[in-house]
Amino acid sequence: MGNVILIGFMGSGKTTVGLKLSYRLRKPVIDTDKEIEREEKRSISDIFATDGEAYFRDRETAYLRKLLENAGNQIISVGGGLPLREENRELLRELGQVFYLNARAETIYERLKHDTTRPLLQGPDPQTKIRQLISERDAFYKAAADVVVNVDGKDFEQILCEIEKNVK
């Protein structure tokens, strides 16, 4: 078994599923957002505010390249915007098997409506913004994914079982 990579929109459950899956499959878990924050010694919100989204996206690509050099047999959870770049989608495919945790906009909104740490959702109408971003990103997620896991209405046990049965 190689790397298992979790992609999807913010709030789709990547971080939590990654942690639970790491226990189940006895593999270490890496969250690219958390690793970039650690390397930068600041939050993603601060990175966006100070250096902009393009800088952050460049950091994501650089981190994927670093993982390719020395990452094997891990669970890797990536930021919601990471698969938008074609280069990143190619790197993800090289890194391992990619699972897209797919959730409806309503599910995401319910999970994130009180979360103030998401720079892309700070605004007057986050529900419309979520719908818009999901519709823009869905094709990119599907293009990167080996397996699409619909998470709406499922508990973590069901999601984990679905991923486990599809891990090569």
C-alpha atoms as a PDB file:
ATOM      1  CA  MET A   1       0.000   0.000   0.000  1.00  0.00           C
ATOM      2  CA  GLY A   2       1.292   3.443  -0.929  1.00  0.00           C
ATOM      3  CA  ASN A   3       0.067   6.867   0.056  1.00  0.00           C
ATOM      4  CA  VAL A   4      -3.644   7.482   0.508  1.00  0.00           C
ATOM      5  CA  ILE A   5      -4.477  11.078  -0.404  1.00  0.00           C
ATOM      6  CA  LEU A   6      -7.644  12.891   0.677  1.00  0.00           C
ATOM      7  CA  ILE A   7      -8.909  15.835  -1.353  1.00  0.00           C
ATOM      8  CA  GLY A   8     -12.136  17.831  -1.287  1.00  0.00           C
ATOM      9  CA  PHE A   9     -13.690  21.135  -0.414  1.00  0.00           C
ATOM     10  CA  MET A  10     -12.995  22.730   2.970  1.00  0.00           C
ATOM     11  CA  GLY A  11     -15.216  21.142   5.594  1.00  0.00           C
ATOM     12  CA  SER A  12     -15.630  17.871   3.681  1.00  0.00           C
ATOM     13  CA  GLY A  13     -13.881  15.991   6.505  1.00  0.00           C
ATOM     14  CA  LYS A  14     -10.374  15.492   5.104  1.00  0.00           C
ATOM     15  CA  THR A  15      -8.524  16.249   8.341  1.00  0.00           C
ATOM     16  CA  THR A  16     -10.778  14.152  10.587  1.00  0.00           C
ATOM     17  CA  VAL A  17     -11.031  11.269   8.109  1.00  0.00           C
ATOM     18  CA  GLY A  18      -7.245  11.411   7.695  1.00  0.00           C
ATOM     19  CA  LEU A  19      -6.680  11.099  11.439  1.00  0.00           C
ATOM     20  CA  LYS A  20      -9.170   8.249  11.846  1.00  0.00           C
ATOM     21  CA  LEU A  21      -7.831   6.464   8.758  1.00  0.00           C
ATOM     22  CA  SER A  22      -4.267   6.704  10.065  1.00  0.00           C
ATOM     23  CA  TYR A  23      -5.303   4.687  13.134  1.00  0.00           C
ATOM     24  CA  ARG A  24      -7.207   2.156  11.029  1.00  0.00           C
ATOM     25  CA  LEU A  25      -4.484   1.615   8.446  1.00  0.00           C
ATOM     26  CA  ARG A  26      -1.607   2.162  10.871  1.00  0.00           C
ATOM     27  CA  LYS A  27      -0.036   4.866   8.733  1.00  0.00           C
ATOM     28  CA  PRO A  28       1.177   8.309   9.718  1.00  0.00           C
ATOM     29  CA  VAL A  29      -0.955  11.243   8.607  1.00  0.00           C
ATOM     30  CA  ILE A  30       0.196  14.511   7.075  1.00  0.00           C
ATOM     31  CA  ASP A  31      -2.041  17.557   6.676  1.00  0.00           C
ATOM     32  CA  THR A  32      -0.458  19.824   4.048  1.00  0.00           C
ATOM     33  CA  ASP A  33      -2.144  22.960   5.428  1.00  0.00           C
ATOM     34  CA  LYS A  34      -0.814  22.288   8.930  1.00  0.00           C
ATOM     35  CA  GLU A  35       2.670  21.524   7.590  1.00  0.00           C
ATOM     36  CA  ILE A  36       2.763  24.752   5.577  1.00  0.00           C
ATOM     37  CA  GLU A  37       1.609  26.692   8.660  1.00  0.00           C
ATOM     38  CA  ARG A  38       4.377  25.015  10.667  1.00  0.00           C
ATOM     39  CA  GLU A  39       7.038  25.801   8.065  1.00  0.00           C
ATOM     40  CA  GLU A  40       5.832  29.411   7.674  1.00  0.00           C
ATOM     41  CA  LYS A  41       5.326  29.845  11.451  1.00  0.00           C
ATOM     42  CA  ARG A  42       1.951  31.535  10.789  1.00  0.00           C
ATOM     43  CA  SER A  43      -1.649  30.658   9.976  1.00  0.00           C
ATOM     44  CA  ILE A  44      -3.059  30.258   6.478  1.00  0.00           C
ATOM     45  CA  SER A  45      -5.254  33.308   7.167  1.00  0.00           C
ATOM     46  CA  ASP A  46      -2.088  35.310   7.899  1.00  0.00           C
ATOM     47  CA  ILE A  47      -0.372  33.980   4.773  1.00  0.00           C
ATOM     48  CA  PHE A  48      -3.381  34.977   2.629  1.00  0.00           C
ATOM     49  CA  ALA A  49      -3.575  38.423   4.264  1.00  0.00           C
ATOM     50  CA  THR A  50       0.152  39.172   4.055  1.00  0.00           C
ATOM     51  CA  ASP A  51       1.369  37.437   0.890  1.00  0.00           C
ATOM     52  CA  GLY A  52      -1.842  36.562  -0.965  1.00  0.00           C
ATOM     53  CA  GLU A  53      -3.434  33.409  -2.283  1.00  0.00           C
ATOM     54  CA  ALA A  54      -0.940  32.960  -5.156  1.00  0.00           C
ATOM     55  CA  TYR A  55       1.962  32.766  -2.686  1.00  0.00           C
ATOM     56  CA  PHE A  56       0.099  30.168  -0.623  1.00  0.00           C
ATOM     57  CA  ARG A  57      -0.690  28.110  -3.744  1.00  0.00           C
ATOM     58  CA  ASP A  58       3.011  28.164  -4.655  1.00  0.00           C
ATOM     59  CA  ARG A  59       3.831  26.870  -1.158  1.00  0.00           C
ATOM     60  CA  GLU A  60       1.351  24.013  -1.652  1.00  0.00           C
ATOM     61  CA  THR A  61       3.044  22.962  -4.899  1.00  0.00           C
ATOM     62  CA  ALA A  62       6.489  23.162  -3.291  1.00  0.00           C
ATOM     63  CA  TYR A  63       5.281  21.019  -0.380  1.00  0.00           C
ATOM     64  CA  LEU A  64       3.890  18.348  -2.741  1.00  0.00           C
ATOM     65  CA  ARG A  65       7.265  18.204  -4.498  1.00  0.00           C
ATOM     66  CA  LYS A  66       8.946  17.737  -1.123  1.00  0.00           C
ATOM     67  CA  LEU A  67       6.531  14.909  -0.274  1.00  0.00           C
ATOM     68  CA  LEU A  68       7.315  13.176  -3.569  1.00  0.00           C
ATOM     69  CA  GLU A  69      10.973  13.026  -2.602  1.00  0.00           C
ATOM     70  CA  ASN A  70      10.467  11.270   0.703  1.00  0.00           C
ATOM     71  CA  ALA A  71       6.852  10.370   1.448  1.00  0.00           C
ATOM     72  CA  GLY A  72       5.640   6.818   1.269  1.00  0.00           C
ATOM     73  CA  ASN A  73       2.935   4.759   2.916  1.00  0.00           C
ATOM     74  CA  GLN A  74       1.162   7.711   4.558  1.00  0.00           C
ATOM     75  CA  ILE A  75      -2.241   9.352   4.713  1.00  0.00           C
ATOM     76  CA  ILE A  76      -2.004  12.809   3.139  1.00  0.00           C
ATOM     77  CA  SER A  77      -4.798  15.337   3.613  1.00  0.00           C
ATOM     78  CA  VAL A  78      -4.529  18.377   1.352  1.00  0.00           C
ATOM     79  CA  GLY A  79      -6.032  21.850   1.377  1.00  0.00           C
ATOM     80  CA  GLY A  80      -9.258  22.398  -0.536  1.00  0.00           C
ATOM     81  CA  GLY A  81      -7.668  24.559  -3.224  1.00  0.00           C
ATOM     82  CA  LEU A  82      -4.583  22.438  -3.828  1.00  0.00           C
ATOM     83  CA  PRO A  83      -6.032  20.270  -6.668  1.00  0.00           C
ATOM     84  CA  LEU A  84      -7.001  23.338  -8.708  1.00  0.00           C
ATOM     85  CA  ARG A  85      -3.572  23.527 -10.346  1.00  0.00           C
ATOM     86  CA  GLU A  86      -2.907  20.996 -13.085  1.00  0.00           C
ATOM     87  CA  GLU A  87       0.659  20.582 -11.814  1.00  0.00           C
ATOM     88  CA  ASN A  88      -0.684  19.694  -8.367  1.00  0.00           C
ATOM     89  CA  ARG A  89      -3.137  17.154  -9.800  1.00  0.00           C
ATOM     90  CA  GLU A  90      -0.239  15.460 -11.591  1.00  0.00           C
ATOM     91  CA  LEU A  91       1.852  15.483  -8.410  1.00  0.00           C
ATOM     92  CA  LEU A  92      -1.052  14.004  -6.419  1.00  0.00           C
ATOM     93  CA  ARG A  93      -1.393  11.148  -8.920  1.00  0.00           C
ATOM     94  CA  GLU A  94       2.349  10.465  -8.627  1.00  0.00           C
ATOM     95  CA  LEU A  95       2.131  10.531  -4.836  1.00  0.00           C
ATOM     96  CA  GLY A  96      -0.534   7.853  -4.446  1.00  0.00           C
ATOM     97  CA  GLN A  97      -4.193   6.916  -4.590  1.00  0.00           C
ATOM     98  CA  VAL A  98      -6.468   9.979  -4.463  1.00  0.00           C
ATOM     99  CA  PHE A  99      -9.863   9.951  -2.722  1.00  0.00           C
ATOM    100  CA  TYR A 100     -12.242  12.883  -3.283  1.00  0.00           C
ATOM    101  CA  LEU A 101     -14.473  13.461  -0.243  1.00  0.00           C
ATOM    102  CA  ASN A 102     -17.462  14.970  -2.018  1.00  0.00           C
ATOM    103  CA  ALA A 103     -20.036  16.974  -0.033  1.00  0.00           C
ATOM    104  CA  ARG A 104     -22.992  19.157  -1.020  1.00  0.00           C
ATOM    105  CA  ALA A 105     -22.834  22.907  -0.384  1.00  0.00           C
ATOM    106  CA  GLU A 106     -25.512  22.605   2.324  1.00  0.00           C
ATOM    107  CA  THR A 107     -23.414  20.066   4.236  1.00  0.00           C
ATOM    108  CA  ILE A 108     -20.331  22.288   4.014  1.00  0.00           C
ATOM    109  CA  TYR A 109     -22.252  25.363   5.141  1.00  0.00           C
ATOM    110  CA  GLU A 110     -23.665  23.570   8.199  1.00  0.00           C
ATOM    111  CA  ARG A 111     -20.175  22.409   9.176  1.00  0.00           C
ATOM    112  CA  LEU A 112     -18.429  25.758   8.624  1.00  0.00           C
ATOM    113  CA  LYS A 113     -20.997  28.461   9.394  1.00  0.00           C
ATOM    114  CA  HIS A 114     -19.304  29.373  12.699  1.00  0.00           C
ATOM    115  CA  ASP A 115     -15.697  28.898  11.501  1.00  0.00           C
ATOM    116  CA  THR A 116     -13.881  32.240  11.202  1.00  0.00           C
ATOM    117  CA  THR A 117     -10.529  30.717  10.185  1.00  0.00           C
ATOM    118  CA  ARG A 118     -11.418  30.152   6.510  1.00  0.00           C
ATOM    119  CA  PRO A 119     -10.210  33.159   4.495  1.00  0.00           C
ATOM    120  CA  LEU A 120     -12.270  32.309   1.412  1.00  0.00           C
ATOM    121  CA  LEU A 121     -15.538  32.284   3.398  1.00  0.00           C
ATOM    122  CA  GLN A 122     -15.228  35.647   5.113  1.00  0.00           C
ATOM    123  CA  GLY A 123     -17.924  37.753   3.541  1.00  0.00           C
ATOM    124  CA  PRO A 124     -21.594  38.689   3.602  1.00  0.00           C
ATOM    125  CA  ASP A 125     -23.010  35.496   1.989  1.00  0.00           C
ATOM    126  CA  PRO A 126     -20.841  32.455   2.729  1.00  0.00           C
ATOM    127  CA  GLN A 127     -23.507  29.982   1.568  1.00  0.00           C
ATOM    128  CA  THR A 128     -23.545  31.433  -1.953  1.00  0.00           C
ATOM    129  CA  LYS A 129     -19.721  31.576  -1.925  1.00  0.00           C
ATOM    130  CA  ILE A 130     -19.559  27.871  -0.962  1.00  0.00           C
ATOM    131  CA  ARG A 131     -21.971  26.929  -3.758  1.00  0.00           C
ATOM    132  CA  GLN A 132     -19.977  28.970  -6.275  1.00  0.00           C
ATOM    133  CA  LEU A 133     -16.592  27.567  -5.200  1.00  0.00           C
ATOM    134  CA  ILE A 134     -17.819  23.963  -5.195  1.00  0.00           C
ATOM    135  CA  SER A 135     -19.235  24.337  -8.701  1.00  0.00           C
ATOM    136  CA  GLU A 136     -15.910  25.840  -9.872  1.00  0.00           C
ATOM    137  CA  ARG A 137     -13.795  23.164  -8.185  1.00  0.00           C
ATOM    138  CA  ASP A 138     -15.777  19.939  -8.602  1.00  0.00           C
ATOM    139  CA  ALA A 139     -14.369  19.098 -12.049  1.00  0.00           C
ATOM    140  CA  PHE A 140     -10.806  19.633 -10.800  1.00  0.00           C
ATOM    141  CA  TYR A 141     -11.401  17.362  -7.810  1.00  0.00           C
ATOM    142  CA  LYS A 142     -12.879  14.665 -10.044  1.00  0.00           C
ATOM    143  CA  ALA A 143      -9.977  14.999 -12.488  1.00  0.00           C
ATOM    144  CA  ALA A 144      -7.502  14.383  -9.654  1.00  0.00           C
ATOM    145  CA  ALA A 145      -9.422  11.555  -7.963  1.00  0.00           C
ATOM    146  CA  ASP A 146      -9.094   7.819  -8.347  1.00  0.00           C
ATOM    147  CA  VAL A 147     -12.176   7.324  -6.152  1.00  0.00           C
ATOM    148  CA  VAL A 148     -15.060   9.700  -5.322  1.00  0.00           C
ATOM    149  CA  VAL A 149     -16.554   9.177  -1.854  1.00  0.00           C
ATOM    150  CA  ASN A 150     -19.862  10.961  -1.265  1.00  0.00           C
ATOM    151  CA  VAL A 151     -19.872  11.963   2.403  1.00  0.00           C
ATOM    152  CA  ASP A 152     -23.337  13.533   2.719  1.00  0.00           C
ATOM    153  CA  GLY A 153     -25.442  11.808   5.349  1.00  0.00           C
ATOM    154  CA  LYS A 154     -22.704   9.313   6.242  1.00  0.00           C
ATOM    155  CA  ASP A 155     -20.956   8.926   9.562  1.00  0.00           C
ATOM    156  CA  PHE A 156     -17.200   8.530   9.790  1.00  0.00           C
ATOM    157  CA  GLU A 157     -17.418   4.755  10.099  1.00  0.00           C
ATOM    158  CA  GLN A 158     -19.245   4.499   6.754  1.00  0.00           C
ATOM    159  CA  ILE A 159     -16.760   6.847   5.066  1.00  0.00           C
ATOM    160  CA  LEU A 160     -13.756   4.971   6.472  1.00  0.00           C
ATOM    161  CA  CYS A 161     -15.167   1.605   5.354  1.00  0.00           C
ATOM    162  CA  GLU A 162     -15.759   2.944   1.847  1.00  0.00           C
ATOM    163  CA  ILE A 163     -12.194   4.223   1.610  1.00  0.00           C
ATOM    164  CA  GLU A 164     -10.714   1.025   3.065  1.00  0.00           C
ATOM    165  CA  LYS A 165     -12.507  -1.212   0.591  1.00  0.00           C
ATOM    166  CA  ASN A 166     -11.172   0.896  -2.292  1.00  0.00           C
ATOM    167  CA  VAL A 167      -7.541   1.237  -1.120  1.00  0.00           C
ATOM    168  CA  LYS A 168      -5.237  -0.595  -3.511  1.00  0.00           C
END
